[in-house]
PDB file of N, CA and C in Angstrom:
ATOM      1  N   MET A   1      39.288 161.544  72.164  1.00  0.00           N
ATOM      2  CA  MET A   1      40.406 162.420  72.427  1.00  0.00           C
ATOM      3  C   MET A   1      41.728 161.707  72.191  1.00  0.00           C
ATOM      4  N   LYS A   2      41.830 160.474  72.660  1.00  0.00           N
ATOM      5  CA  LYS A   2      43.047 159.698  72.440  1.00  0.00           C
ATOM      6  C   LYS A   2      43.254 159.433  70.954  1.00  0.00           C
ATOM      7  N   PHE A   3      42.156 159.110  70.264  1.00  0.00           N
ATOM      8  CA  PHE A   3      42.232 158.863  68.826  1.00  0.00           C
ATOM      9  C   PHE A   3      42.801 160.073  68.092  1.00  0.00           C
ATOM     10  N   ASN A   4      42.304 161.268  68.439  1.00  0.00           N
ATOM     11  CA  ASN A   4      42.759 162.486  67.770  1.00  0.00           C
ATOM     12  C   ASN A   4      44.259 162.694  67.954  1.00  0.00           C
ATOM     13  N   MET A   5      44.746 162.496  69.166  1.00  0.00           N
ATOM     14  CA  MET A   5      46.173 162.710  69.422  1.00  0.00           C
ATOM     15  C   MET A   5      47.029 161.674  68.706  1.00  0.00           C
ATOM     16  N   ILE A   6      46.592 160.421  68.723  1.00  0.00           N
ATOM     17  CA  ILE A   6      47.355 159.368  68.041  1.00  0.00           C
ATOM     18  C   ILE A   6      47.304 159.569  66.527  1.00  0.00           C
ATOM     19  N   ALA A   7      46.112 159.841  65.999  1.00  0.00           N
ATOM     20  CA  ALA A   7      45.982 160.069  64.553  1.00  0.00           C
ATOM     21  C   ALA A   7      46.806 161.272  64.135  1.00  0.00           C
ATOM     22  N   GLY A   8      46.773 162.337  64.933  1.00  0.00           N
ATOM     23  CA  GLY A   8      47.569 163.517  64.626  1.00  0.00           C
ATOM     24  C   GLY A   8      49.052 163.222  64.618  1.00  0.00           C
ATOM     25  N   ALA A   9      49.511 162.454  65.597  1.00  0.00           N
ATOM     26  CA  ALA A   9      50.934 162.108  65.657  1.00  0.00           C
ATOM     27  C   ALA A   9      51.332 161.213  64.482  1.00  0.00           C
ATOM     28  N   VAL A  10      50.470 160.279  64.109  1.00  0.00           N
ATOM     29  CA  VAL A  10      50.756 159.417  62.958  1.00  0.00           C
ATOM     30  C   VAL A  10      50.795 160.251  61.677  1.00  0.00           C
ATOM     31  N   PHE A  11      49.814 161.141  61.505  1.00  0.00           N
ATOM     32  CA  PHE A  11      49.815 162.006  60.324  1.00  0.00           C
ATOM     33  C   PHE A  11      51.052 162.906  60.295  1.00  0.00           C
ATOM     34  N   ALA A  12      51.489 163.405  61.451  1.00  0.00           N
ATOM     35  CA  ALA A  12      52.684 164.249  61.501  1.00  0.00           C
ATOM     36  C   ALA A  12      53.921 163.446  61.106  1.00  0.00           C
ATOM     37  N   LEU A  13      54.045 162.242  61.635  1.00  0.00           N
ATOM     38  CA  LEU A  13      55.165 161.367  61.286  1.00  0.00           C
ATOM     39  C   LEU A  13      55.182 161.103  59.787  1.00  0.00           C
ATOM     40  N   LEU A  14      54.016 160.760  59.237  1.00  0.00           N
ATOM     41  CA  LEU A  14      53.925 160.479  57.803  1.00  0.00           C
ATOM     42  C   LEU A  14      54.197 161.727  56.970  1.00  0.00           C
ATOM     43  N   SER A  15      53.802 162.878  57.475  1.00  0.00           N
ATOM     44  CA  SER A  15      54.065 164.126  56.761  1.00  0.00           C
ATOM     45  C   SER A  15      55.562 164.362  56.609  1.00  0.00           C
ATOM     46  N   VAL A  16      56.298 164.137  57.672  1.00  0.00           N
ATOM     47  CA  VAL A  16      57.756 164.282  57.608  1.00  0.00           C
ATOM     48  C   VAL A  16      58.341 163.253  56.646  1.00  0.00           C
ATOM     49  N   ALA A  17      57.865 162.006  56.741  1.00  0.00           N
ATOM     50  CA  ALA A  17      58.371 160.946  55.864  1.00  0.00           C
ATOM     51  C   ALA A  17      58.035 161.245  54.398  1.00  0.00           C
ATOM     52  N   PHE A  18      56.793 161.670  54.130  1.00  0.00           N
ATOM     53  CA  PHE A  18      56.401 161.982  52.752  1.00  0.00           C
ATOM     54  C   PHE A  18      57.144 163.205  52.227  1.00  0.00           C
ATOM     55  N   GLY A  19      57.395 164.171  53.105  1.00  0.00           N
ATOM     56  CA  GLY A  19      58.168 165.336  52.695  1.00  0.00           C
ATOM     57  C   GLY A  19      59.572 164.952  52.274  1.00  0.00           C
ATOM     58  N   ALA A  20      60.206 164.107  53.063  1.00  0.00           N
ATOM     59  CA  ALA A  20      61.557 163.642  52.725  1.00  0.00           C
ATOM     60  C   ALA A  20      61.533 162.786  51.458  1.00  0.00           C
ATOM     61  N   PHE A  21      60.536 161.922  51.352  1.00  0.00           N
ATOM     62  CA  PHE A  21      60.412 161.070  50.167  1.00  0.00           C
ATOM     63  C   PHE A  21      60.246 161.921  48.908  1.00  0.00           C
ATOM     64  N   GLY A  22      59.397 162.945  49.003  1.00  0.00           N
ATOM     65  CA  GLY A  22      59.182 163.815  47.860  1.00  0.00           C
ATOM     66  C   GLY A  22      60.425 164.602  47.486  1.00  0.00           C
ATOM     67  N   ALA A  23      61.161 165.061  48.491  1.00  0.00           N
ATOM     68  CA  ALA A  23      62.346 165.878  48.233  1.00  0.00           C
ATOM     69  C   ALA A  23      63.518 165.067  47.702  1.00  0.00           C
ATOM     70  N   HIS A  24      63.562 163.785  48.042  1.00  0.00           N
ATOM     71  CA  HIS A  24      64.721 162.975  47.658  1.00  0.00           C
ATOM     72  C   HIS A  24      64.385 161.919  46.603  1.00  0.00           C
ATOM     73  N   ALA A  25      63.488 161.008  46.929  1.00  0.00           N
ATOM     74  CA  ALA A  25      63.192 159.904  46.018  1.00  0.00           C
ATOM     75  C   ALA A  25      62.439 160.357  44.769  1.00  0.00           C
ATOM     76  N   LEU A  26      61.599 161.385  44.916  1.00  0.00           N
ATOM     77  CA  LEU A  26      60.809 161.833  43.769  1.00  0.00           C
ATOM     78  C   LEU A  26      61.405 163.062  43.084  1.00  0.00           C
ATOM     79  N   LYS A  27      62.554 163.493  43.573  1.00  0.00           N
ATOM     80  CA  LYS A  27      63.185 164.713  43.070  1.00  0.00           C
ATOM     81  C   LYS A  27      63.318 164.723  41.551  1.00  0.00           C
ATOM     82  N   ASN A  28      63.747 163.633  40.964  1.00  0.00           N
ATOM     83  CA  ASN A  28      63.956 163.562  39.517  1.00  0.00           C
ATOM     84  C   ASN A  28      62.811 162.872  38.786  1.00  0.00           C
ATOM     85  N   VAL A  29      61.745 162.574  39.519  1.00  0.00           N
ATOM     86  CA  VAL A  29      60.607 161.873  38.922  1.00  0.00           C
ATOM     87  C   VAL A  29      59.455 162.833  38.623  1.00  0.00           C
ATOM     88  N   LEU A  30      59.177 163.724  39.563  1.00  0.00           N
ATOM     89  CA  LEU A  30      58.043 164.635  39.420  1.00  0.00           C
ATOM     90  C   LEU A  30      58.444 165.895  38.655  1.00  0.00           C
ATOM     91  N   THR A  31      57.511 166.394  37.869  1.00  0.00           N
ATOM     92  CA  THR A  31      57.730 167.698  37.238  1.00  0.00           C
ATOM     93  C   THR A  31      57.683 168.754  38.333  1.00  0.00           C
ATOM     94  N   GLU A  32      58.079 169.949  37.990  1.00  0.00           N
ATOM     95  CA  GLU A  32      58.050 171.045  38.969  1.00  0.00           C
ATOM     96  C   GLU A  32      56.630 171.261  39.496  1.00  0.00           C
ATOM     97  N   HIS A  33      55.654 171.183  38.598  1.00  0.00           N
ATOM     98  CA  HIS A  33      54.250 171.361  38.993  1.00  0.00           C
ATOM     99  C   HIS A  33      53.818 170.296  39.998  1.00  0.00           C
ATOM    100  N   TYR A  34      54.088 169.037  39.687  1.00  0.00           N
ATOM    101  CA  TYR A  34      53.636 167.956  40.562  1.00  0.00           C
ATOM    102  C   TYR A  34      54.457 167.874  41.849  1.00  0.00           C
ATOM    103  N   ALA A  35      55.678 168.350  41.815  1.00  0.00           N
ATOM    104  CA  ALA A  35      56.456 168.454  43.058  1.00  0.00           C
ATOM    105  C   ALA A  35      55.811 169.487  43.983  1.00  0.00           C
ATOM    106  N   ALA A  36      55.319 170.575  43.419  1.00  0.00           N
ATOM    107  CA  ALA A  36      54.626 171.595  44.210  1.00  0.00           C
ATOM    108  C   ALA A  36      53.312 171.052  44.766  1.00  0.00           C
ATOM    109  N   VAL A  37      52.605 170.247  43.976  1.00  0.00           N
ATOM    110  CA  VAL A  37      51.365 169.615  44.440  1.00  0.00           C
ATOM    111  C   VAL A  37      51.683 168.686  45.608  1.00  0.00           C
ATOM    112  N   TRP A  38      52.739 167.891  45.495  1.00  0.00           N
ATOM    113  CA  TRP A  38      53.175 166.990  46.568  1.00  0.00           C
ATOM    114  C   TRP A  38      53.472 167.794  47.834  1.00  0.00           C
ATOM    115  N   GLU A  39      54.191 168.898  47.668  1.00  0.00           N
ATOM    116  CA  GLU A  39      54.558 169.736  48.810  1.00  0.00           C
ATOM    117  C   GLU A  39      53.319 170.337  49.484  1.00  0.00           C
ATOM    118  N   THR A  40      52.326 170.723  48.697  1.00  0.00           N
ATOM    119  CA  THR A  40      51.076 171.226  49.263  1.00  0.00           C
ATOM    120  C   THR A  40      50.413 170.148  50.113  1.00  0.00           C
ATOM    121  N   ALA A  41      50.399 168.918  49.619  1.00  0.00           N
ATOM    122  CA  ALA A  41      49.816 167.802  50.374  1.00  0.00           C
ATOM    123  C   ALA A  41      50.535 167.618  51.705  1.00  0.00           C
ATOM    124  N   VAL A  42      51.857 167.684  51.667  1.00  0.00           N
ATOM    125  CA  VAL A  42      52.657 167.516  52.891  1.00  0.00           C
ATOM    126  C   VAL A  42      52.332 168.623  53.894  1.00  0.00           C
ATOM    127  N   HIS A  43      52.286 169.869  53.422  1.00  0.00           N
ATOM    128  CA  HIS A  43      52.019 170.995  54.323  1.00  0.00           C
ATOM    129  C   HIS A  43      50.643 170.892  54.966  1.00  0.00           C
ATOM    130  N   TYR A  44      49.618 170.647  54.157  1.00  0.00           N
ATOM    131  CA  TYR A  44      48.273 170.558  54.714  1.00  0.00           C
ATOM    132  C   TYR A  44      48.128 169.363  55.652  1.00  0.00           C
ATOM    133  N   GLN A  45      48.818 168.280  55.347  1.00  0.00           N
ATOM    134  CA  GLN A  45      48.775 167.131  56.243  1.00  0.00           C
ATOM    135  C   GLN A  45      49.367 167.503  57.591  1.00  0.00           C
ATOM    136  N   MET A  46      50.499 168.200  57.597  1.00  0.00           N
ATOM    137  CA  MET A  46      51.120 168.577  58.860  1.00  0.00           C
ATOM    138  C   MET A  46      50.262 169.575  59.628  1.00  0.00           C
ATOM    139  N   PHE A  47      49.719 170.578  58.938  1.00  0.00           N
ATOM    140  CA  PHE A  47      48.862 171.553  59.627  1.00  0.00           C
ATOM    141  C   PHE A  47      47.707 170.857  60.339  1.00  0.00           C
ATOM    142  N   HIS A  48      47.100 169.902  59.659  1.00  0.00           N
ATOM    143  CA  HIS A  48      45.925 169.255  60.227  1.00  0.00           C
ATOM    144  C   HIS A  48      46.291 168.131  61.195  1.00  0.00           C
ATOM    145  N   ALA A  49      47.495 167.611  61.083  1.00  0.00           N
ATOM    146  CA  ALA A  49      47.992 166.689  62.113  1.00  0.00           C
ATOM    147  C   ALA A  49      48.095 167.447  63.436  1.00  0.00           C
ATOM    148  N   ILE A  50      48.639 168.642  63.373  1.00  0.00           N
ATOM    149  CA  ILE A  50      48.739 169.479  64.578  1.00  0.00           C
ATOM    150  C   ILE A  50      47.339 169.847  65.065  1.00  0.00           C
ATOM    151  N   GLY A  51      46.437 170.136  64.137  1.00  0.00           N
ATOM    152  CA  GLY A  51      45.052 170.422  64.509  1.00  0.00           C
ATOM    153  C   GLY A  51      44.417 169.269  65.262  1.00  0.00           C
ATOM    154  N   LEU A  52      44.631 168.050  64.810  1.00  0.00           N
ATOM    155  CA  LEU A  52      44.086 166.880  65.510  1.00  0.00           C
ATOM    156  C   LEU A  52      44.665 166.750  66.913  1.00  0.00           C
ATOM    157  N   ILE A  53      45.957 167.002  67.045  1.00  0.00           N
ATOM    158  CA  ILE A  53      46.589 166.936  68.371  1.00  0.00           C
ATOM    159  C   ILE A  53      45.992 168.002  69.284  1.00  0.00           C
ATOM    160  N   VAL A  54      45.803 169.201  68.766  1.00  0.00           N
ATOM    161  CA  VAL A  54      45.207 170.287  69.559  1.00  0.00           C
ATOM    162  C   VAL A  54      43.793 169.910  69.988  1.00  0.00           C
ATOM    163  N   ILE A  55      43.007 169.358  69.088  1.00  0.00           N
ATOM    164  CA  ILE A  55      41.655 168.926  69.451  1.00  0.00           C
ATOM    165  C   ILE A  55      41.716 167.894  70.575  1.00  0.00           C
ATOM    166  N   GLY A  56      42.621 166.931  70.449  1.00  0.00           N
ATOM    167  CA  GLY A  56      42.772 165.926  71.501  1.00  0.00           C
ATOM    168  C   GLY A  56      43.153 166.537  72.835  1.00  0.00           C
ATOM    169  N   ILE A  57      44.056 167.511  72.809  1.00  0.00           N
ATOM    170  CA  ILE A  57      44.464 168.185  74.052  1.00  0.00           C
ATOM    171  C   ILE A  57      43.300 168.966  74.648  1.00  0.00           C
ATOM    172  N   LEU A  58      42.572 169.684  73.818  1.00  0.00           N
ATOM    173  CA  LEU A  58      41.423 170.437  74.309  1.00  0.00           C
ATOM    174  C   LEU A  58      40.406 169.514  74.974  1.00  0.00           C
ATOM    175  N   MET A  59      40.210 168.351  74.386  1.00  0.00           N
ATOM    176  CA  MET A  59      39.249 167.409  74.949  1.00  0.00           C
ATOM    177  C   MET A  59      39.777 166.756  76.227  1.00  0.00           C
ATOM    178  N   SER A  60      41.055 166.407  76.260  1.00  0.00           N
ATOM    179  CA  SER A  60      41.592 165.665  77.393  1.00  0.00           C
ATOM    180  C   SER A  60      41.850 166.536  78.610  1.00  0.00           C
ATOM    181  N   LYS A  61      42.154 167.789  78.404  1.00  0.00           N
ATOM    182  CA  LYS A  61      42.464 168.680  79.519  1.00  0.00           C
ATOM    183  C   LYS A  61      41.226 169.387  80.045  1.00  0.00           C
ATOM    184  N   SER A  62      40.084 168.988  79.550  1.00  0.00           N
ATOM    185  CA  SER A  62      38.817 169.590  79.931  1.00  0.00           C
ATOM    186  C   SER A  62      38.789 171.091  79.684  1.00  0.00           C
ATOM    187  N   LEU A  63      39.658 171.550  78.783  1.00  0.00           N
ATOM    188  CA  LEU A  63      39.620 172.966  78.430  1.00  0.00           C
ATOM    189  C   LEU A  63      38.288 173.272  77.767  1.00  0.00           C
ATOM    190  N   LEU A  64      37.876 172.399  76.909  1.00  0.00           N
ATOM    191  CA  LEU A  64      36.551 172.512  76.307  1.00  0.00           C
ATOM    192  C   LEU A  64      35.727 171.264  76.591  1.00  0.00           C
ATOM    193  N   GLY A  65      36.323 170.306  77.254  1.00  0.00           N
ATOM    194  CA  GLY A  65      35.623 169.070  77.561  1.00  0.00           C
ATOM    195  C   GLY A  65      35.486 168.187  76.342  1.00  0.00           C
ATOM    196  N   PRO A  66      35.142 166.947  76.544  1.00  0.00           N
ATOM    197  CA  PRO A  66      34.969 166.016  75.416  1.00  0.00           C
ATOM    198  C   PRO A  66      33.642 166.262  74.712  1.00  0.00           C
ATOM    199  N   THR A  67      33.515 167.441  74.132  1.00  0.00           N
ATOM    200  CA  THR A  67      32.259 167.796  73.486  1.00  0.00           C
ATOM    201  C   THR A  67      32.071 167.023  72.196  1.00  0.00           C
ATOM    202  N   SER A  68      30.825 166.808  71.848  1.00  0.00           N
ATOM    203  CA  SER A  68      30.545 166.109  70.596  1.00  0.00           C
ATOM    204  C   SER A  68      30.987 166.967  69.413  1.00  0.00           C
ATOM    205  N   MET A  69      30.965 168.293  69.578  1.00  0.00           N
ATOM    206  CA  MET A  69      31.400 169.191  68.508  1.00  0.00           C
ATOM    207  C   MET A  69      32.881 168.954  68.197  1.00  0.00           C
ATOM    208  N   LEU A  70      33.711 168.866  69.226  1.00  0.00           N
ATOM    209  CA  LEU A  70      35.142 168.607  69.015  1.00  0.00           C
ATOM    210  C   LEU A  70      35.371 167.207  68.471  1.00  0.00           C
ATOM    211  N   SER A  71      34.603 166.279  68.942  1.00  0.00           N
ATOM    212  CA  SER A  71      34.729 164.902  68.462  1.00  0.00           C
ATOM    213  C   SER A  71      34.438 164.828  66.963  1.00  0.00           C
ATOM    214  N   ARG A  72      33.369 165.480  66.548  1.00  0.00           N
ATOM    215  CA  ARG A  72      33.024 165.501  65.122  1.00  0.00           C
ATOM    216  C   ARG A  72      34.062 166.276  64.313  1.00  0.00           C
ATOM    217  N   ALA A  73      34.588 167.341  64.898  1.00  0.00           N
ATOM    218  CA  ALA A  73      35.637 168.115  64.211  1.00  0.00           C
ATOM    219  C   ALA A  73      36.851 167.233  63.955  1.00  0.00           C
ATOM    220  N   GLY A  74      37.213 166.419  64.930  1.00  0.00           N
ATOM    221  CA  GLY A  74      38.351 165.514  64.765  1.00  0.00           C
ATOM    222  C   GLY A  74      38.122 164.502  63.662  1.00  0.00           C
ATOM    223  N   ILE A  75      36.924 163.956  63.607  1.00  0.00           N
ATOM    224  CA  ILE A  75      36.595 162.982  62.562  1.00  0.00           C
ATOM    225  C   ILE A  75      36.668 163.638  61.185  1.00  0.00           C
ATOM    226  N   LEU A  76      36.099 164.833  61.060  1.00  0.00           N
ATOM    227  CA  LEU A  76      36.114 165.526  59.775  1.00  0.00           C
ATOM    228  C   LEU A  76      37.534 165.891  59.355  1.00  0.00           C
ATOM    229  N   MET A  77      38.349 166.306  60.326  1.00  0.00           N
ATOM    230  CA  MET A  77      39.732 166.662  60.018  1.00  0.00           C
ATOM    231  C   MET A  77      40.510 165.420  59.565  1.00  0.00           C
ATOM    232  N   PHE A  78      40.283 164.303  60.237  1.00  0.00           N
ATOM    233  CA  PHE A  78      40.937 163.041  59.881  1.00  0.00           C
ATOM    234  C   PHE A  78      40.584 162.647  58.444  1.00  0.00           C
ATOM    235  N   ILE A  79      39.294 162.645  58.132  1.00  0.00           N
ATOM    236  CA  ILE A  79      38.851 162.285  56.781  1.00  0.00           C
ATOM    237  C   ILE A  79      39.356 163.314  55.772  1.00  0.00           C
ATOM    238  N   GLY A  80      39.381 164.580  56.171  1.00  0.00           N
ATOM    239  CA  GLY A  80      39.880 165.637  55.304  1.00  0.00           C
ATOM    240  C   GLY A  80      41.324 165.413  54.895  1.00  0.00           C
ATOM    241  N   VAL A  81      42.161 164.982  55.840  1.00  0.00           N
ATOM    242  CA  VAL A  81      43.569 164.699  55.516  1.00  0.00           C
ATOM    243  C   VAL A  81      43.653 163.594  54.472  1.00  0.00           C
ATOM    244  N   ILE A  82      42.883 162.552  54.678  1.00  0.00           N
ATOM    245  CA  ILE A  82      42.923 161.427  53.741  1.00  0.00           C
ATOM    246  C   ILE A  82      42.475 161.876  52.344  1.00  0.00           C
ATOM    247  N   LEU A  83      41.370 162.612  52.284  1.00  0.00           N
ATOM    248  CA  LEU A  83      40.849 163.030  50.978  1.00  0.00           C
ATOM    249  C   LEU A  83      41.711 164.117  50.338  1.00  0.00           C
ATOM    250  N   PHE A  84      42.075 165.150  51.107  1.00  0.00           N
ATOM    251  CA  PHE A  84      42.821 166.266  50.542  1.00  0.00           C
ATOM    252  C   PHE A  84      44.253 165.852  50.216  1.00  0.00           C
ATOM    253  N   SER A  85      45.024 165.518  51.241  1.00  0.00           N
ATOM    254  CA  SER A  85      46.433 165.185  51.003  1.00  0.00           C
ATOM    255  C   SER A  85      46.568 163.888  50.223  1.00  0.00           C
ATOM    256  N   GLY A  86      45.750 162.905  50.572  1.00  0.00           N
ATOM    257  CA  GLY A  86      45.829 161.619  49.871  1.00  0.00           C
ATOM    258  C   GLY A  86      45.601 161.754  48.382  1.00  0.00           C
ATOM    259  N   SER A  87      44.585 162.528  48.007  1.00  0.00           N
ATOM    260  CA  SER A  87      44.310 162.697  46.578  1.00  0.00           C
ATOM    261  C   SER A  87      45.449 163.438  45.887  1.00  0.00           C
ATOM    262  N   LEU A  88      46.062 164.398  46.575  1.00  0.00           N
ATOM    263  CA  LEU A  88      47.182 165.123  45.965  1.00  0.00           C
ATOM    264  C   LEU A  88      48.427 164.243  45.827  1.00  0.00           C
ATOM    265  N   TYR A  89      48.672 163.363  46.798  1.00  0.00           N
ATOM    266  CA  TYR A  89      49.810 162.438  46.676  1.00  0.00           C
ATOM    267  C   TYR A  89      49.629 161.533  45.455  1.00  0.00           C
ATOM    268  N   VAL A  90      48.438 160.953  45.356  1.00  0.00           N
ATOM    269  CA  VAL A  90      48.172 160.033  44.241  1.00  0.00           C
ATOM    270  C   VAL A  90      48.193 160.796  42.914  1.00  0.00           C
ATOM    271  N   LEU A  91      47.613 161.991  42.900  1.00  0.00           N
ATOM    272  CA  LEU A  91      47.630 162.821  41.696  1.00  0.00           C
ATOM    273  C   LEU A  91      49.060 163.121  41.251  1.00  0.00           C
ATOM    274  N   SER A  92      49.919 163.456  42.205  1.00  0.00           N
ATOM    275  CA  SER A  92      51.310 163.782  41.871  1.00  0.00           C
ATOM    276  C   SER A  92      52.027 162.619  41.208  1.00  0.00           C
ATOM    277  N   ILE A  93      51.804 161.436  41.724  1.00  0.00           N
ATOM    278  CA  ILE A  93      52.515 160.256  41.214  1.00  0.00           C
ATOM    279  C   ILE A  93      51.900 159.745  39.911  1.00  0.00           C
ATOM    280  N   THR A  94      50.568 159.704  39.852  1.00  0.00           N
ATOM    281  CA  THR A  94      49.903 159.119  38.676  1.00  0.00           C
ATOM    282  C   THR A  94      49.590 160.145  37.597  1.00  0.00           C
ATOM    283  N   GLN A  95      49.464 161.404  37.990  1.00  0.00           N
ATOM    284  CA  GLN A  95      49.068 162.491  37.098  1.00  0.00           C
ATOM    285  C   GLN A  95      47.692 162.249  36.475  1.00  0.00           C
ATOM    286  N   ILE A  96      46.856 161.498  37.179  1.00  0.00           N
ATOM    287  CA  ILE A  96      45.468 161.290  36.770  1.00  0.00           C
ATOM    288  C   ILE A  96      44.676 162.483  37.297  1.00  0.00           C
ATOM    289  N   LYS A  97      44.386 163.416  36.424  1.00  0.00           N
ATOM    290  CA  LYS A  97      43.838 164.715  36.822  1.00  0.00           C
ATOM    291  C   LYS A  97      42.459 164.633  37.466  1.00  0.00           C
ATOM    292  N   VAL A  98      41.685 163.613  37.172  1.00  0.00           N
ATOM    293  CA  VAL A  98      40.351 163.497  37.767  1.00  0.00           C
ATOM    294  C   VAL A  98      40.438 163.363  39.293  1.00  0.00           C
ATOM    295  N   LEU A  99      41.561 162.905  39.798  1.00  0.00           N
ATOM    296  CA  LEU A  99      41.741 162.796  41.248  1.00  0.00           C
ATOM    297  C   LEU A  99      41.707 164.163  41.917  1.00  0.00           C
ATOM    298  N   GLY A 100      42.027 165.195  41.157  1.00  0.00           N
ATOM    299  CA  GLY A 100      41.965 166.552  41.687  1.00  0.00           C
ATOM    300  C   GLY A 100      40.561 166.960  42.097  1.00  0.00           C
ATOM    301  N   ALA A 101      39.544 166.254  41.603  1.00  0.00           N
ATOM    302  CA  ALA A 101      38.159 166.547  41.972  1.00  0.00           C
ATOM    303  C   ALA A 101      37.857 166.129  43.408  1.00  0.00           C
ATOM    304  N   ILE A 102      38.649 165.235  43.956  1.00  0.00           N
ATOM    305  CA  ILE A 102      38.453 164.773  45.335  1.00  0.00           C
ATOM    306  C   ILE A 102      39.018 165.786  46.326  1.00  0.00           C
ATOM    307  N   THR A 103      40.064 166.461  45.939  1.00  0.00           N
ATOM    308  CA  THR A 103      40.779 167.377  46.830  1.00  0.00           C
ATOM    309  C   THR A 103      39.873 168.424  47.473  1.00  0.00           C
ATOM    310  N   PRO A 104      39.004 169.102  46.718  1.00  0.00           N
ATOM    311  CA  PRO A 104      38.160 170.125  47.353  1.00  0.00           C
ATOM    312  C   PRO A 104      37.210 169.571  48.420  1.00  0.00           C
ATOM    313  N   ILE A 105      36.829 168.314  48.282  1.00  0.00           N
ATOM    314  CA  ILE A 105      35.968 167.706  49.307  1.00  0.00           C
ATOM    315  C   ILE A 105      36.726 167.680  50.635  1.00  0.00           C
ATOM    316  N   GLY A 106      37.984 167.280  50.579  1.00  0.00           N
ATOM    317  CA  GLY A 106      38.815 167.305  51.783  1.00  0.00           C
ATOM    318  C   GLY A 106      38.982 168.717  52.320  1.00  0.00           C
ATOM    319  N   GLY A 107      39.133 169.684  51.418  1.00  0.00           N
ATOM    320  CA  GLY A 107      39.266 171.081  51.836  1.00  0.00           C
ATOM    321  C   GLY A 107      38.021 171.588  52.552  1.00  0.00           C
ATOM    322  N   VAL A 108      36.848 171.213  52.050  1.00  0.00           N
ATOM    323  CA  VAL A 108      35.599 171.605  52.707  1.00  0.00           C
ATOM    324  C   VAL A 108      35.509 170.961  54.089  1.00  0.00           C
ATOM    325  N   LEU A 109      35.931 169.714  54.202  1.00  0.00           N
ATOM    326  CA  LEU A 109      35.919 169.060  55.513  1.00  0.00           C
ATOM    327  C   LEU A 109      36.845 169.780  56.489  1.00  0.00           C
ATOM    328  N   PHE A 110      37.996 170.255  56.009  1.00  0.00           N
ATOM    329  CA  PHE A 110      38.887 171.054  56.855  1.00  0.00           C
ATOM    330  C   PHE A 110      38.168 172.301  57.364  1.00  0.00           C
ATOM    331  N   LEU A 111      37.520 173.011  56.448  1.00  0.00           N
ATOM    332  CA  LEU A 111      36.823 174.242  56.826  1.00  0.00           C
ATOM    333  C   LEU A 111      35.736 173.983  57.866  1.00  0.00           C
ATOM    334  N   VAL A 112      34.946 172.948  57.643  1.00  0.00           N
ATOM    335  CA  VAL A 112      33.878 172.618  58.590  1.00  0.00           C
ATOM    336  C   VAL A 112      34.465 172.208  59.939  1.00  0.00           C
ATOM    337  N   ALA A 113      35.543 171.443  59.914  1.00  0.00           N
ATOM    338  CA  ALA A 113      36.179 171.018  61.170  1.00  0.00           C
ATOM    339  C   ALA A 113      36.664 172.222  61.972  1.00  0.00           C
ATOM    340  N   TRP A 114      37.339 173.157  61.301  1.00  0.00           N
ATOM    341  CA  TRP A 114      37.829 174.354  62.011  1.00  0.00           C
ATOM    342  C   TRP A 114      36.666 175.200  62.511  1.00  0.00           C
ATOM    343  N   LEU A 115      35.578 175.280  61.742  1.00  0.00           N
ATOM    344  CA  LEU A 115      34.399 176.006  62.199  1.00  0.00           C
ATOM    345  C   LEU A 115      33.840 175.365  63.472  1.00  0.00           C
ATOM    346  N   MET A 116      33.835 174.052  63.522  1.00  0.00           N
ATOM    347  CA  MET A 116      33.344 173.360  64.715  1.00  0.00           C
ATOM    348  C   MET A 116      34.248 173.632  65.919  1.00  0.00           C
ATOM    349  N   VAL A 117      35.540 173.720  65.702  1.00  0.00           N
ATOM    350  CA  VAL A 117      36.460 174.064  66.803  1.00  0.00           C
ATOM    351  C   VAL A 117      36.144 175.478  67.288  1.00  0.00           C
ATOM    352  N   ILE A 118      35.913 176.403  66.367  1.00  0.00           N
ATOM    353  CA  ILE A 118      35.556 177.772  66.745  1.00  0.00           C
ATOM    354  C   ILE A 118      34.264 177.788  67.563  1.00  0.00           C
ATOM    355  N   LEU A 119      33.258 177.052  67.103  1.00  0.00           N
ATOM    356  CA  LEU A 119      31.984 177.010  67.822  1.00  0.00           C
ATOM    357  C   LEU A 119      32.141 176.392  69.198  1.00  0.00           C
ATOM    358  N   ALA A 120      32.937 175.341  69.304  1.00  0.00           N
ATOM    359  CA  ALA A 120      33.161 174.721  70.617  1.00  0.00           C
ATOM    360  C   ALA A 120      33.887 175.683  71.541  1.00  0.00           C
ATOM    361  N   ALA A 121      34.866 176.411  71.019  1.00  0.00           N
ATOM    362  CA  ALA A 121      35.617 177.361  71.840  1.00  0.00           C
ATOM    363  C   ALA A 121      34.747 178.543  72.260  1.00  0.00           C
ATOM    364  N   SER A 122      33.780 178.914  71.435  1.00  0.00           N
ATOM    365  CA  SER A 122      32.928 180.052  71.757  1.00  0.00           C
ATOM    366  C   SER A 122      31.981 179.757  72.916  1.00  0.00           C
ATOM    367  N   LYS A 123      31.878 178.492  73.276  1.00  0.00           N
ATOM    368  CA  LYS A 123      30.999 178.106  74.387  1.00  0.00           C
ATOM    369  C   LYS A 123      31.702 178.200  75.730  1.00  0.00           C
ATOM    370  N   LEU A 124      32.942 178.654  75.753  1.00  0.00           N
ATOM    371  CA  LEU A 124      33.685 178.797  77.012  1.00  0.00           C
ATOM    372  C   LEU A 124      33.049 179.833  77.912  1.00  0.00           C
TER     373      LEU A 124
END
């Protein structure tokens, strides 16, 4: 639970920093397409940073308890951020298109993580 909240806060901080970096430092470097890809990475990172914090709160406040389902959801969401947003950041800067093949793996991990949160909540 503590890991989820700390990881979520770190991802949120980095999301703001990467958003500012993309808007200012990369403004004249990235094409319009790759700037949009960068922005997608920032948005999904922030959404899932908040998701990790919510999972941590649910576990710590005994709202759903420290269930193994929530614990696994947090791990999948954490890895999903790295694979999804990370691959899009690197893709934007390097324009190595094969990196785009990694992105959907992160997206699937997001979906599975949210499904696990739904299943844990349904046990209330």
